[in-house]
Amino acid sequence: GEFKGRKLQYSNVINSKSVELYYRVDYINYSLIEEFNYIKNDGQKICLQAMFTDDAGKHGEVIKLH
């Protein structure tokens, strides 16, 4: 579907090396949560891991708009 917008829902600082950001992303026919986990290991550059999850916590699921 066509992208409508993205809004930061919340962030969570795990420790000095890990931060999580959660966004609600809306498209024309559906919406989902994007979870970004930024990690810094042993002085290396920050690594990004992205996962998609619905409100029930099932990774990869899409939330249908009603």
Protein backbone atom coordinates (compact mmCIF):
# COMPACT_ATOMS: atom_id res chain seq x y z
CA GLY A 1 0.00 0.00 0.00
CA GLU A 2 0.89 3.64 -0.30
CA PHE A 3 2.84 5.14 2.64
CA LYS A 4 0.85 7.65 4.73
CA GLY A 5 3.11 8.41 7.69
CA ARG A 6 5.26 7.30 10.62
CA LYS A 7 5.05 8.31 14.30
CA LEU A 8 7.46 7.44 17.13
CA GLN A 9 5.47 5.51 19.75
CA TYR A 10 8.18 5.10 22.38
CA SER A 11 11.88 4.53 22.93
CA ASN A 12 13.71 2.36 25.42
CA VAL A 13 17.35 2.77 26.46
CA ILE A 14 18.51 -0.73 27.40
CA ASN A 15 22.03 0.28 28.45
CA SER A 16 24.92 2.41 27.14
CA LYS A 17 25.22 0.12 24.09
CA SER A 18 21.62 -0.59 23.11
CA VAL A 19 18.55 1.54 22.29
CA GLU A 20 15.14 0.48 20.94
CA LEU A 21 12.78 2.74 18.97
CA TYR A 22 9.18 1.79 18.13
CA TYR A 23 7.23 3.49 15.33
CA ARG A 24 3.62 3.16 14.14
CA VAL A 25 3.73 3.18 10.33
CA ASP A 26 0.52 3.76 8.40
CA TYR A 27 -0.18 2.79 4.80
CA ILE A 28 -3.41 3.21 2.81
CA ASN A 29 -4.84 -0.25 3.69
CA TYR A 30 -2.87 -1.31 6.76
CA SER A 31 -0.66 -0.30 9.66
CA LEU A 32 2.24 -1.93 11.49
CA ILE A 33 4.74 -1.36 14.26
CA GLU A 34 8.40 -1.05 13.30
CA GLU A 35 10.94 -1.87 15.99
CA PHE A 36 14.50 -0.62 15.54
CA ASN A 37 17.25 -1.86 17.85
CA TYR A 38 20.52 0.07 17.67
CA ILE A 39 23.52 -1.79 19.12
CA LYS A 40 27.16 -0.76 19.59
CA ASN A 41 29.61 -3.63 20.19
CA ASP A 42 33.23 -3.33 21.33
CA GLY A 43 33.85 0.15 19.92
CA GLN A 44 32.40 -0.75 16.51
CA LYS A 45 29.99 1.49 14.61
CA ILE A 46 26.34 1.35 15.60
CA CYS A 47 24.48 -1.60 14.05
CA LEU A 48 20.78 -1.41 13.19
CA GLN A 49 18.37 -4.33 13.41
CA ALA A 50 14.81 -3.75 12.20
CA MET A 51 11.82 -5.99 12.94
CA PHE A 52 8.14 -5.62 12.19
CA THR A 53 5.58 -6.61 14.80
CA ASP A 54 1.87 -6.23 15.43
CA ASP A 55 0.21 -5.11 18.68
CA ALA A 56 0.03 -8.73 19.90
CA GLY A 57 3.81 -9.07 19.65
CA LYS A 58 3.89 -11.47 16.69
CA HIS A 59 6.90 -10.53 14.56
CA GLY A 60 6.17 -10.07 10.86
CA GLU A 61 2.41 -9.67 11.27
CA VAL A 62 0.49 -6.87 9.58
CA ILE A 63 -2.26 -4.92 11.34
CA LYS A 64 -5.30 -4.38 9.07
CA LEU A 65 -7.08 -1.04 9.32
CA HIS A 66 -10.85 -1.24 9.90
